[in-house]
């Protein structure tokens, strides 16, 4: 049993989707970040970086923060959705780090400046939207000749990237301009585990459908 401390953000959804995909039992503990619950002393004992998601493995008592580390932990524990050796392992690390270093931080800045801070800082909005479009271009080129991000198959890399692309509407990104990303996104959004994990905790944010 896994205790999942989370909220319905892209990073939070990575882990709930992963847990649904591997069929592992888990209990959800919503952390309402808009109310500052991530700063509660009890939460800080397991998540000292003041961020969701965090998991606690009841089998071992181990707590883990940072979504990339959590995905790898759950993949290793379950023996699913992650190559463990050879070139496939390093390609997994390469594209997972791409998500952690580029997709998440840059798309998050677009959310801050383009969606929530519309009109307040045009220079920042232009800068981060331009970078987001560059990153979409990188992904589109990579997906031109493969079904998923890894030739190995559907993996934690796809799970890590999907919830951020699932906020393309917040980023004012038209997925029709990135047909390979669109094809990948439309396939993954229909997976039952993705649909279930998207709605953890329960929320009213639909996955956008490209025009």
N, C-alpha and C. Protein backbone atom coordinates (compact mmCIF):
# COMPACT_ATOMS: atom_id res chain seq x y z
N UNK A 1 0.85 -1.19 0.00
CA UNK A 1 0.00 0.00 0.00
C UNK A 1 0.88 1.24 0.00
N UNK A 2 0.52 2.18 -0.85
CA UNK A 2 1.25 3.45 -0.95
C UNK A 2 0.34 4.57 -0.46
N UNK A 3 0.85 5.43 0.40
CA UNK A 3 0.16 6.67 0.75
C UNK A 3 0.65 7.75 -0.21
N UNK A 4 -0.30 8.36 -0.93
CA UNK A 4 0.02 9.39 -1.92
C UNK A 4 -0.48 10.74 -1.45
N UNK A 5 0.45 11.64 -1.27
CA UNK A 5 0.14 13.01 -0.88
C UNK A 5 0.27 13.85 -2.14
N UNK A 6 -0.85 14.42 -2.60
CA UNK A 6 -0.84 14.97 -3.95
C UNK A 6 -1.91 16.03 -4.11
N UNK A 7 -1.90 16.64 -5.29
CA UNK A 7 -2.92 17.59 -5.73
C UNK A 7 -3.01 17.46 -7.24
N UNK A 8 -4.08 18.02 -7.84
CA UNK A 8 -4.27 17.81 -9.28
C UNK A 8 -3.47 18.85 -10.09
N UNK A 9 -2.16 18.64 -10.07
CA UNK A 9 -1.21 19.39 -10.88
C UNK A 9 -0.53 18.41 -11.82
N UNK A 10 0.21 18.91 -12.83
CA UNK A 10 0.92 17.96 -13.69
C UNK A 10 1.85 17.02 -12.92
N UNK A 11 2.60 17.55 -11.97
CA UNK A 11 3.51 16.68 -11.22
C UNK A 11 2.75 15.69 -10.36
N UNK A 12 1.66 16.13 -9.75
CA UNK A 12 0.86 15.21 -8.96
C UNK A 12 0.25 14.11 -9.81
N UNK A 13 -0.23 14.48 -10.98
CA UNK A 13 -0.89 13.51 -11.84
C UNK A 13 0.07 12.45 -12.37
N UNK A 14 1.33 12.77 -12.49
CA UNK A 14 2.29 11.75 -12.92
C UNK A 14 2.18 10.52 -12.03
N UNK A 15 2.15 10.75 -10.73
CA UNK A 15 2.24 9.64 -9.79
C UNK A 15 0.91 8.89 -9.69
N UNK A 16 -0.21 9.59 -9.70
CA UNK A 16 -1.49 8.88 -9.66
C UNK A 16 -1.69 8.07 -10.94
N UNK A 17 -1.27 8.60 -12.08
CA UNK A 17 -1.35 7.83 -13.32
C UNK A 17 -0.47 6.58 -13.22
N UNK A 18 0.74 6.76 -12.71
CA UNK A 18 1.66 5.63 -12.57
C UNK A 18 1.06 4.55 -11.67
N UNK A 19 0.51 4.95 -10.54
CA UNK A 19 -0.08 3.97 -9.62
C UNK A 19 -1.24 3.23 -10.26
N UNK A 20 -2.03 3.94 -11.06
CA UNK A 20 -3.13 3.28 -11.77
C UNK A 20 -2.59 2.31 -12.83
N UNK A 21 -1.54 2.71 -13.52
CA UNK A 21 -0.98 1.86 -14.58
C UNK A 21 -0.42 0.56 -14.01
N UNK A 22 0.24 0.62 -12.87
CA UNK A 22 0.86 -0.58 -12.34
C UNK A 22 -0.09 -1.38 -11.44
N UNK A 23 -1.27 -0.81 -11.18
CA UNK A 23 -2.27 -1.53 -10.38
C UNK A 23 -1.89 -1.69 -8.92
N UNK A 24 -1.15 -0.73 -8.40
CA UNK A 24 -0.72 -0.81 -7.00
C UNK A 24 -1.74 -0.11 -6.11
N UNK A 25 -2.06 -0.72 -4.99
CA UNK A 25 -3.01 -0.11 -4.05
C UNK A 25 -2.43 1.16 -3.46
N UNK A 26 -3.26 2.19 -3.36
CA UNK A 26 -2.79 3.44 -2.77
C UNK A 26 -3.95 4.19 -2.13
N UNK A 27 -3.61 5.00 -1.15
CA UNK A 27 -4.57 5.86 -0.49
C UNK A 27 -4.18 7.30 -0.74
N UNK A 28 -5.15 8.10 -1.14
CA UNK A 28 -4.90 9.50 -1.51
C UNK A 28 -5.06 10.42 -0.30
N UNK A 29 -4.09 11.29 -0.13
CA UNK A 29 -4.16 12.33 0.90
C UNK A 29 -4.04 13.67 0.18
N UNK A 30 -5.16 14.34 -0.11
CA UNK A 30 -5.10 15.61 -0.84
C UNK A 30 -4.35 16.67 -0.03
N UNK A 31 -3.46 17.37 -0.73
CA UNK A 31 -2.72 18.49 -0.15
C UNK A 31 -3.10 19.72 -0.97
N UNK A 32 -4.01 20.52 -0.45
CA UNK A 32 -4.54 21.68 -1.19
C UNK A 32 -3.48 22.78 -1.21
N UNK A 33 -2.73 22.82 -2.28
CA UNK A 33 -1.60 23.76 -2.33
C UNK A 33 -2.06 25.21 -2.38
N UNK A 34 -3.27 25.46 -2.90
CA UNK A 34 -3.80 26.82 -2.91
C UNK A 34 -4.08 27.35 -1.52
N UNK A 35 -4.24 26.42 -0.57
CA UNK A 35 -4.47 26.80 0.83
C UNK A 35 -3.19 26.73 1.66
N UNK A 36 -2.08 26.38 0.99
CA UNK A 36 -0.80 26.32 1.69
C UNK A 36 -0.59 25.08 2.53
N UNK A 37 -1.36 24.02 2.26
CA UNK A 37 -1.24 22.82 3.09
C UNK A 37 0.11 22.13 2.93
N UNK A 38 0.83 22.46 1.85
CA UNK A 38 2.17 21.89 1.67
C UNK A 38 3.18 22.45 2.66
N UNK A 39 2.77 23.48 3.41
CA UNK A 39 3.66 24.07 4.41
C UNK A 39 3.36 23.58 5.83
N UNK A 40 2.37 22.69 5.97
CA UNK A 40 2.04 22.17 7.29
C UNK A 40 3.21 21.37 7.85
N UNK A 41 3.51 21.53 9.12
CA UNK A 41 4.65 20.81 9.73
C UNK A 41 4.60 19.30 9.53
N UNK A 42 3.41 18.71 9.59
CA UNK A 42 3.31 17.26 9.43
C UNK A 42 3.69 16.84 8.02
N UNK A 43 3.28 17.63 7.03
CA UNK A 43 3.65 17.31 5.66
C UNK A 43 5.14 17.49 5.44
N UNK A 44 5.73 18.51 6.03
CA UNK A 44 7.15 18.79 5.85
C UNK A 44 8.04 17.67 6.38
N UNK A 45 7.51 16.84 7.27
CA UNK A 45 8.29 15.72 7.77
C UNK A 45 8.58 14.70 6.67
N UNK A 46 7.69 14.61 5.69
CA UNK A 46 7.90 13.66 4.58
C UNK A 46 8.22 14.37 3.28
N UNK A 47 7.88 15.67 3.18
CA UNK A 47 8.14 16.45 1.98
C UNK A 47 8.84 17.75 2.31
N UNK A 48 10.11 17.70 2.70
CA UNK A 48 10.80 18.90 3.19
C UNK A 48 10.97 20.00 2.16
N UNK A 49 10.70 19.72 0.89
CA UNK A 49 10.81 20.75 -0.15
C UNK A 49 9.49 21.49 -0.36
N UNK A 50 8.50 21.27 0.50
CA UNK A 50 7.21 21.99 0.44
C UNK A 50 6.46 21.75 -0.87
N UNK A 51 6.64 20.63 -1.49
CA UNK A 51 6.00 20.39 -2.78
C UNK A 51 5.37 19.00 -2.81
N UNK A 52 4.28 18.91 -3.58
CA UNK A 52 3.72 17.60 -3.89
C UNK A 52 4.27 17.18 -5.24
N UNK A 53 4.25 15.88 -5.54
CA UNK A 53 3.75 14.77 -4.75
C UNK A 53 4.82 14.19 -3.82
N UNK A 54 4.33 13.46 -2.83
CA UNK A 54 5.18 12.67 -1.94
C UNK A 54 4.47 11.33 -1.74
N UNK A 55 5.25 10.27 -1.66
CA UNK A 55 4.67 8.98 -1.32
C UNK A 55 5.31 8.44 -0.05
N UNK A 56 4.56 7.60 0.64
CA UNK A 56 5.10 6.81 1.75
C UNK A 56 4.74 5.36 1.46
N UNK A 57 5.75 4.52 1.42
CA UNK A 57 5.54 3.09 1.19
C UNK A 57 5.29 2.42 2.55
N UNK A 58 4.08 1.95 2.76
CA UNK A 58 3.76 1.34 4.05
C UNK A 58 4.52 0.04 4.29
N UNK A 59 5.00 -0.59 3.21
CA UNK A 59 5.76 -1.83 3.39
C UNK A 59 7.08 -1.57 4.09
N UNK A 60 7.67 -0.40 3.84
CA UNK A 60 9.01 -0.12 4.34
C UNK A 60 9.08 1.11 5.23
N UNK A 61 8.04 1.96 5.18
CA UNK A 61 8.08 3.22 5.90
C UNK A 61 8.85 4.31 5.19
N UNK A 62 9.38 4.00 4.00
CA UNK A 62 10.18 4.96 3.25
C UNK A 62 9.30 6.04 2.63
N UNK A 63 9.68 7.30 2.80
CA UNK A 63 8.99 8.41 2.12
C UNK A 63 9.89 8.94 1.02
N UNK A 64 9.29 9.30 -0.11
CA UNK A 64 10.03 9.80 -1.25
C UNK A 64 9.32 11.02 -1.81
N UNK A 65 10.06 12.08 -2.04
CA UNK A 65 9.55 13.27 -2.71
C UNK A 65 10.19 13.36 -4.10
N UNK A 66 9.74 14.30 -4.90
CA UNK A 66 10.20 14.55 -6.27
C UNK A 66 9.63 13.49 -7.22
N UNK A 67 8.83 13.96 -8.16
CA UNK A 67 8.06 13.05 -9.00
C UNK A 67 8.92 12.11 -9.83
N UNK A 68 10.07 12.58 -10.32
CA UNK A 68 10.93 11.71 -11.12
C UNK A 68 11.48 10.55 -10.30
N UNK A 69 11.86 10.84 -9.06
CA UNK A 69 12.35 9.78 -8.17
C UNK A 69 11.22 8.83 -7.82
N UNK A 70 10.02 9.37 -7.59
CA UNK A 70 8.88 8.51 -7.25
C UNK A 70 8.54 7.56 -8.40
N UNK A 71 8.54 8.08 -9.63
CA UNK A 71 8.24 7.22 -10.78
C UNK A 71 9.23 6.07 -10.87
N UNK A 72 10.50 6.37 -10.68
CA UNK A 72 11.50 5.31 -10.78
C UNK A 72 11.36 4.31 -9.63
N UNK A 73 11.05 4.80 -8.45
CA UNK A 73 10.86 3.91 -7.30
C UNK A 73 9.70 2.95 -7.56
N UNK A 74 8.58 3.49 -8.02
CA UNK A 74 7.41 2.64 -8.26
C UNK A 74 7.64 1.68 -9.41
N UNK A 75 8.38 2.12 -10.43
CA UNK A 75 8.70 1.22 -11.54
C UNK A 75 9.57 0.07 -11.07
N UNK A 76 10.56 0.38 -10.25
CA UNK A 76 11.44 -0.67 -9.74
C UNK A 76 10.69 -1.60 -8.80
N UNK A 77 9.85 -1.04 -7.94
CA UNK A 77 9.10 -1.86 -6.97
C UNK A 77 8.15 -2.82 -7.69
N UNK A 78 7.53 -2.33 -8.76
CA UNK A 78 6.54 -3.14 -9.47
C UNK A 78 7.13 -3.97 -10.59
N UNK A 79 8.34 -3.61 -11.04
CA UNK A 79 8.93 -4.29 -12.20
C UNK A 79 8.23 -3.93 -13.49
N UNK A 80 7.67 -2.73 -13.57
CA UNK A 80 6.91 -2.32 -14.76
C UNK A 80 7.33 -0.93 -15.25
N UNK A 81 7.18 -0.74 -16.54
CA UNK A 81 7.21 0.57 -17.20
C UNK A 81 8.56 1.29 -17.15
N UNK A 82 9.64 0.55 -16.94
CA UNK A 82 10.97 1.17 -16.96
C UNK A 82 12.02 0.15 -17.37
N UNK A 83 12.79 0.42 -18.42
CA UNK A 83 13.92 -0.46 -18.71
C UNK A 83 14.95 -0.36 -17.60
N UNK A 84 15.66 -1.44 -17.36
CA UNK A 84 16.57 -1.47 -16.21
C UNK A 84 18.03 -1.69 -16.59
N UNK A 85 18.32 -1.83 -17.86
CA UNK A 85 19.72 -2.08 -18.23
C UNK A 85 19.98 -1.64 -19.66
N UNK A 86 21.26 -1.52 -19.97
CA UNK A 86 21.70 -1.24 -21.33
C UNK A 86 21.33 0.13 -21.83
N UNK A 87 21.35 0.27 -23.14
CA UNK A 87 21.06 1.55 -23.77
C UNK A 87 19.66 2.04 -23.46
N UNK A 88 18.71 1.13 -23.35
CA UNK A 88 17.32 1.54 -23.07
C UNK A 88 17.23 2.26 -21.73
N UNK A 89 17.98 1.78 -20.74
CA UNK A 89 17.96 2.44 -19.43
C UNK A 89 18.46 3.87 -19.54
N UNK A 90 19.54 4.07 -20.27
CA UNK A 90 20.11 5.42 -20.36
C UNK A 90 19.26 6.34 -21.22
N UNK A 91 18.59 5.81 -22.24
CA UNK A 91 17.65 6.64 -23.00
C UNK A 91 16.47 7.05 -22.12
N UNK A 92 16.05 6.13 -21.23
CA UNK A 92 15.00 6.48 -20.28
C UNK A 92 15.46 7.63 -19.39
N UNK A 93 16.68 7.53 -18.86
CA UNK A 93 17.20 8.60 -18.02
C UNK A 93 17.31 9.91 -18.80
N UNK A 94 17.75 9.84 -20.02
CA UNK A 94 17.91 11.03 -20.86
C UNK A 94 16.58 11.78 -21.02
N UNK A 95 15.53 11.05 -21.38
CA UNK A 95 14.26 11.71 -21.65
C UNK A 95 13.50 12.04 -20.38
N UNK A 96 13.72 11.28 -19.31
CA UNK A 96 13.12 11.66 -18.04
C UNK A 96 13.76 12.96 -17.52
N UNK A 97 15.07 13.09 -17.67
CA UNK A 97 15.73 14.33 -17.27
C UNK A 97 15.29 15.49 -18.16
N UNK A 98 15.02 15.22 -19.42
CA UNK A 98 14.48 16.24 -20.32
C UNK A 98 13.16 16.77 -19.77
N UNK A 99 12.33 15.88 -19.28
CA UNK A 99 11.07 16.34 -18.69
C UNK A 99 11.33 17.17 -17.44
N UNK A 100 12.20 16.68 -16.58
CA UNK A 100 12.44 17.36 -15.31
C UNK A 100 13.12 18.72 -15.50
N UNK A 101 14.01 18.81 -16.49
CA UNK A 101 14.81 20.02 -16.66
C UNK A 101 14.20 21.02 -17.64
N UNK A 102 13.40 20.53 -18.59
CA UNK A 102 12.89 21.41 -19.66
C UNK A 102 11.37 21.49 -19.67
N UNK A 103 10.71 20.36 -19.87
CA UNK A 103 9.25 20.38 -20.02
C UNK A 103 8.58 20.99 -18.79
N UNK A 104 8.84 20.44 -17.63
CA UNK A 104 8.18 20.91 -16.43
C UNK A 104 8.47 22.36 -16.08
N UNK A 105 9.75 22.72 -15.91
CA UNK A 105 10.05 24.11 -15.53
C UNK A 105 9.59 25.15 -16.55
N UNK A 106 9.79 24.87 -17.83
CA UNK A 106 9.45 25.88 -18.84
C UNK A 106 7.94 25.98 -19.05
N UNK A 107 7.24 24.85 -19.09
CA UNK A 107 5.79 24.92 -19.23
C UNK A 107 5.18 25.55 -17.99
N UNK A 108 5.77 25.27 -16.84
CA UNK A 108 5.29 25.89 -15.61
C UNK A 108 5.42 27.40 -15.63
N UNK A 109 6.50 27.90 -16.22
CA UNK A 109 6.66 29.35 -16.35
C UNK A 109 5.62 29.94 -17.30
N UNK A 110 5.27 29.19 -18.34
CA UNK A 110 4.20 29.65 -19.24
C UNK A 110 2.89 29.76 -18.47
N UNK A 111 2.61 28.77 -17.61
CA UNK A 111 1.39 28.85 -16.81
C UNK A 111 1.41 30.11 -15.95
N UNK A 112 2.56 30.41 -15.37
CA UNK A 112 2.67 31.56 -14.47
C UNK A 112 2.47 32.87 -15.21
N UNK A 113 3.17 33.04 -16.31
CA UNK A 113 3.18 34.35 -16.97
C UNK A 113 2.09 34.52 -18.03
N UNK A 114 1.76 33.45 -18.75
CA UNK A 114 0.79 33.57 -19.84
C UNK A 114 -0.64 33.36 -19.33
N UNK A 115 -0.83 32.35 -18.46
CA UNK A 115 -2.19 32.08 -17.97
C UNK A 115 -2.54 32.93 -16.77
N UNK A 116 -1.78 32.80 -15.70
CA UNK A 116 -2.14 33.46 -14.45
C UNK A 116 -1.74 34.93 -14.42
N UNK A 117 -0.68 35.28 -15.14
CA UNK A 117 -0.21 36.66 -15.11
C UNK A 117 -0.39 37.36 -16.45
N UNK A 118 -1.46 37.02 -17.14
CA UNK A 118 -1.69 37.56 -18.48
C UNK A 118 -1.60 39.08 -18.50
N UNK A 119 -0.73 39.59 -19.38
CA UNK A 119 -0.59 41.03 -19.57
C UNK A 119 0.28 41.74 -18.56
N UNK A 120 0.79 41.02 -17.56
CA UNK A 120 1.57 41.67 -16.51
C UNK A 120 3.05 41.78 -16.84
N UNK A 121 3.56 40.84 -17.63
CA UNK A 121 4.98 40.86 -17.99
C UNK A 121 5.12 40.27 -19.38
N UNK A 122 5.00 41.12 -20.38
CA UNK A 122 5.00 40.66 -21.76
C UNK A 122 6.34 40.04 -22.16
N UNK A 123 7.43 40.59 -21.64
CA UNK A 123 8.75 40.05 -21.97
C UNK A 123 8.90 38.60 -21.49
N UNK A 124 8.48 38.36 -20.24
CA UNK A 124 8.56 37.00 -19.70
C UNK A 124 7.60 36.07 -20.42
N UNK A 125 6.41 36.55 -20.70
CA UNK A 125 5.43 35.72 -21.42
C UNK A 125 5.97 35.29 -22.77
N UNK A 126 6.55 36.24 -23.50
CA UNK A 126 7.09 35.93 -24.83
C UNK A 126 8.26 34.97 -24.73
N UNK A 127 9.13 35.22 -23.76
CA UNK A 127 10.32 34.37 -23.61
C UNK A 127 9.94 32.93 -23.32
N UNK A 128 9.07 32.71 -22.35
CA UNK A 128 8.77 31.34 -21.95
C UNK A 128 7.85 30.63 -22.94
N UNK A 129 6.96 31.36 -23.59
CA UNK A 129 6.13 30.73 -24.61
C UNK A 129 6.99 30.31 -25.81
N UNK A 130 7.96 31.14 -26.17
CA UNK A 130 8.88 30.78 -27.25
C UNK A 130 9.65 29.52 -26.90
N UNK A 131 10.12 29.42 -25.66
CA UNK A 131 10.86 28.24 -25.23
C UNK A 131 9.94 27.01 -25.19
N UNK A 132 8.70 27.18 -24.76
CA UNK A 132 7.76 26.06 -24.76
C UNK A 132 7.53 25.54 -26.18
N UNK A 133 7.40 26.44 -27.12
CA UNK A 133 7.21 26.02 -28.51
C UNK A 133 8.45 25.30 -29.04
N UNK A 134 9.63 25.74 -28.62
CA UNK A 134 10.85 25.03 -29.02
C UNK A 134 10.84 23.61 -28.47
N UNK A 135 10.43 23.47 -27.20
CA UNK A 135 10.39 22.15 -26.58
C UNK A 135 9.36 21.25 -27.26
N UNK A 136 8.21 21.80 -27.60
CA UNK A 136 7.22 21.02 -28.35
C UNK A 136 7.81 20.56 -29.68
N UNK A 137 8.62 21.41 -30.29
CA UNK A 137 9.27 21.04 -31.54
C UNK A 137 10.25 19.89 -31.36
N UNK A 138 10.99 19.91 -30.27
CA UNK A 138 11.91 18.82 -29.97
C UNK A 138 11.13 17.51 -29.81
N UNK A 139 10.04 17.57 -29.07
CA UNK A 139 9.23 16.37 -28.85
C UNK A 139 8.61 15.88 -30.15
N UNK A 140 8.13 16.82 -30.96
CA UNK A 140 7.48 16.44 -32.21
C UNK A 140 8.47 15.73 -33.14
N UNK A 141 9.67 16.25 -33.21
CA UNK A 141 10.69 15.62 -34.06
C UNK A 141 11.04 14.23 -33.53
N UNK A 142 11.16 14.10 -32.22
CA UNK A 142 11.54 12.82 -31.63
C UNK A 142 10.45 11.77 -31.86
N UNK A 143 9.19 12.19 -31.81
CA UNK A 143 8.08 11.24 -31.96
C UNK A 143 7.72 10.96 -33.42
N UNK A 144 8.45 11.55 -34.34
CA UNK A 144 8.12 11.35 -35.75
C UNK A 144 8.29 9.91 -36.19
N UNK A 145 9.23 9.19 -35.58
CA UNK A 145 9.55 7.83 -36.02
C UNK A 145 9.36 6.79 -34.93
N UNK A 146 8.59 7.12 -33.91
CA UNK A 146 8.37 6.15 -32.83
C UNK A 146 7.02 6.41 -32.19
N UNK A 147 6.45 5.38 -31.60
CA UNK A 147 5.12 5.50 -30.99
C UNK A 147 5.18 6.24 -29.67
N UNK A 148 6.21 5.93 -28.88
CA UNK A 148 6.37 6.53 -27.56
C UNK A 148 7.75 7.19 -27.47
N UNK A 149 8.04 7.80 -26.35
CA UNK A 149 9.31 8.49 -26.24
C UNK A 149 10.50 7.54 -26.25
N UNK A 150 10.29 6.32 -25.79
CA UNK A 150 11.35 5.32 -25.84
C UNK A 150 11.02 4.25 -26.87
N UNK A 151 12.01 3.83 -27.64
CA UNK A 151 11.81 2.70 -28.54
C UNK A 151 11.44 1.46 -27.75
N UNK A 152 11.84 1.39 -26.50
CA UNK A 152 11.55 0.27 -25.60
C UNK A 152 10.05 0.08 -25.42
N UNK A 153 9.27 1.16 -25.49
CA UNK A 153 7.82 1.07 -25.33
C UNK A 153 7.29 2.11 -24.37
N UNK A 154 6.01 2.02 -24.08
CA UNK A 154 5.35 2.94 -23.15
C UNK A 154 6.04 2.84 -21.79
N UNK A 155 6.35 4.01 -21.20
CA UNK A 155 7.19 3.99 -20.00
C UNK A 155 6.89 5.17 -19.09
N UNK A 156 7.65 5.24 -18.01
CA UNK A 156 7.53 6.37 -17.09
C UNK A 156 7.86 7.69 -17.76
N UNK A 157 8.58 7.68 -18.86
CA UNK A 157 8.85 8.93 -19.59
C UNK A 157 7.56 9.50 -20.15
N UNK A 158 6.76 8.66 -20.79
CA UNK A 158 5.47 9.12 -21.32
C UNK A 158 4.57 9.60 -20.18
N UNK A 159 4.59 8.88 -19.07
CA UNK A 159 3.77 9.26 -17.93
C UNK A 159 4.22 10.60 -17.36
N UNK A 160 5.53 10.86 -17.36
CA UNK A 160 6.05 12.11 -16.82
C UNK A 160 5.70 13.30 -17.71
N UNK A 161 5.71 13.10 -19.01
CA UNK A 161 5.49 14.21 -19.94
C UNK A 161 4.01 14.48 -20.17
N UNK A 162 3.20 13.42 -20.18
CA UNK A 162 1.81 13.57 -20.57
C UNK A 162 1.04 14.65 -19.81
N UNK A 163 1.08 14.69 -18.48
CA UNK A 163 0.25 15.70 -17.79
C UNK A 163 0.62 17.14 -18.12
N UNK A 164 1.86 17.37 -18.53
CA UNK A 164 2.25 18.74 -18.93
C UNK A 164 1.69 19.06 -20.31
N UNK A 165 1.74 18.12 -21.23
CA UNK A 165 1.10 18.34 -22.53
C UNK A 165 -0.41 18.44 -22.34
N UNK A 166 -0.92 17.76 -21.33
CA UNK A 166 -2.34 17.84 -21.01
C UNK A 166 -2.79 19.20 -20.51
N UNK A 167 -1.88 20.12 -20.38
CA UNK A 167 -2.21 21.51 -20.06
C UNK A 167 -1.83 22.42 -21.22
N UNK A 168 -1.88 21.87 -22.45
CA UNK A 168 -1.56 22.68 -23.64
C UNK A 168 -2.51 23.85 -23.78
N UNK A 169 -3.75 23.70 -23.28
CA UNK A 169 -4.70 24.81 -23.35
C UNK A 169 -4.24 25.97 -22.47
N UNK A 170 -3.67 25.67 -21.30
CA UNK A 170 -3.14 26.73 -20.44
C UNK A 170 -1.92 27.41 -21.08
N UNK A 171 -1.23 26.65 -21.92
CA UNK A 171 -0.01 27.17 -22.55
C UNK A 171 -0.29 27.89 -23.87
N UNK A 172 -1.55 27.96 -24.27
CA UNK A 172 -1.98 28.52 -25.56
C UNK A 172 -1.26 27.84 -26.73
N UNK A 173 -1.01 26.54 -26.57
CA UNK A 173 -0.34 25.75 -27.60
C UNK A 173 -1.40 25.01 -28.42
N UNK A 174 -1.30 25.12 -29.74
CA UNK A 174 -2.17 24.39 -30.65
C UNK A 174 -1.46 23.10 -31.05
N UNK A 175 -1.93 21.96 -30.55
CA UNK A 175 -1.27 20.70 -30.85
C UNK A 175 -1.31 20.34 -32.32
N UNK A 176 -2.18 20.97 -33.09
CA UNK A 176 -2.21 20.70 -34.53
C UNK A 176 -0.91 21.15 -35.20
N UNK A 177 -0.18 22.04 -34.55
CA UNK A 177 1.11 22.47 -35.09
C UNK A 177 2.21 21.46 -34.80
N UNK A 178 1.90 20.47 -33.98
CA UNK A 178 2.87 19.44 -33.61
C UNK A 178 2.19 18.08 -33.77
N UNK A 179 2.01 17.63 -35.01
CA UNK A 179 1.17 16.46 -35.29
C UNK A 179 1.62 15.18 -34.62
N UNK A 180 2.91 15.01 -34.43
CA UNK A 180 3.39 13.78 -33.79
C UNK A 180 3.11 13.80 -32.30
N UNK A 181 3.25 14.96 -31.68
CA UNK A 181 2.86 15.09 -30.27
C UNK A 181 1.36 14.89 -30.13
N UNK A 182 0.59 15.45 -31.05
CA UNK A 182 -0.87 15.30 -31.01
C UNK A 182 -1.26 13.84 -31.11
N UNK A 183 -0.68 13.10 -32.04
CA UNK A 183 -0.98 11.67 -32.19
C UNK A 183 -0.67 10.92 -30.91
N UNK A 184 0.50 11.19 -30.34
CA UNK A 184 0.91 10.56 -29.07
C UNK A 184 -0.05 10.92 -27.94
N UNK A 185 -0.39 12.19 -27.83
CA UNK A 185 -1.28 12.67 -26.77
C UNK A 185 -2.65 12.02 -26.87
N UNK A 186 -3.22 11.98 -28.07
CA UNK A 186 -4.57 11.43 -28.23
C UNK A 186 -4.61 9.95 -27.92
N UNK A 187 -3.53 9.23 -28.21
CA UNK A 187 -3.49 7.81 -27.88
C UNK A 187 -3.45 7.61 -26.37
N UNK A 188 -2.57 8.34 -25.70
CA UNK A 188 -2.37 8.12 -24.27
C UNK A 188 -3.57 8.59 -23.46
N UNK A 189 -4.23 9.66 -23.89
CA UNK A 189 -5.33 10.19 -23.09
C UNK A 189 -6.52 9.24 -23.00
N UNK A 190 -6.54 8.21 -23.85
CA UNK A 190 -7.62 7.23 -23.82
C UNK A 190 -7.31 6.02 -22.96
N UNK A 191 -6.10 5.95 -22.42
CA UNK A 191 -5.76 4.81 -21.56
C UNK A 191 -6.58 4.89 -20.27
N UNK A 192 -7.22 3.81 -19.87
CA UNK A 192 -8.05 3.86 -18.66
C UNK A 192 -7.29 4.33 -17.42
N UNK A 193 -6.04 3.92 -17.27
CA UNK A 193 -5.26 4.33 -16.11
C UNK A 193 -4.96 5.82 -16.14
N UNK A 194 -4.77 6.36 -17.33
CA UNK A 194 -4.52 7.80 -17.46
C UNK A 194 -5.77 8.58 -17.09
N UNK A 195 -6.90 8.13 -17.57
CA UNK A 195 -8.17 8.80 -17.24
C UNK A 195 -8.41 8.77 -15.74
N UNK A 196 -8.19 7.62 -15.11
CA UNK A 196 -8.40 7.50 -13.67
C UNK A 196 -7.41 8.36 -12.89
N UNK A 197 -6.14 8.30 -13.28
CA UNK A 197 -5.12 9.05 -12.57
C UNK A 197 -5.24 10.55 -12.72
N UNK A 198 -5.76 11.00 -13.85
CA UNK A 198 -5.97 12.43 -14.08
C UNK A 198 -6.92 13.02 -13.04
N UNK A 199 -7.85 12.21 -12.60
CA UNK A 199 -8.91 12.69 -11.70
C UNK A 199 -8.60 12.44 -10.23
N UNK A 200 -7.32 12.37 -9.90
CA UNK A 200 -6.86 12.20 -8.50
C UNK A 200 -6.05 13.43 -8.09
N UNK A 201 -6.47 14.08 -6.98
CA UNK A 201 -7.76 13.96 -6.31
C UNK A 201 -8.90 14.37 -7.25
N UNK A 202 -10.13 14.10 -6.87
CA UNK A 202 -11.27 14.43 -7.70
C UNK A 202 -11.24 15.90 -8.07
N UNK A 203 -11.44 16.18 -9.37
CA UNK A 203 -11.36 17.57 -9.85
C UNK A 203 -12.21 17.72 -11.10
N UNK A 204 -12.38 18.97 -11.52
CA UNK A 204 -13.24 19.24 -12.67
C UNK A 204 -12.44 19.78 -13.85
N UNK A 205 -11.18 19.39 -13.96
CA UNK A 205 -10.33 19.83 -15.06
C UNK A 205 -10.30 18.75 -16.15
N UNK A 206 -10.99 18.95 -17.27
CA UNK A 206 -10.96 17.95 -18.33
C UNK A 206 -9.64 17.99 -19.08
N UNK A 207 -9.26 16.85 -19.63
CA UNK A 207 -8.11 16.83 -20.55
C UNK A 207 -8.54 17.53 -21.84
N UNK A 208 -7.75 18.49 -22.32
CA UNK A 208 -8.17 19.21 -23.52
C UNK A 208 -8.16 18.32 -24.75
N UNK A 209 -9.07 18.60 -25.65
CA UNK A 209 -9.15 17.90 -26.92
C UNK A 209 -8.74 18.87 -28.03
N UNK A 210 -7.64 18.59 -28.73
CA UNK A 210 -7.22 19.48 -29.82
C UNK A 210 -8.30 19.62 -30.87
N UNK A 211 -8.41 20.82 -31.40
CA UNK A 211 -9.43 21.08 -32.44
C UNK A 211 -9.13 20.26 -33.68
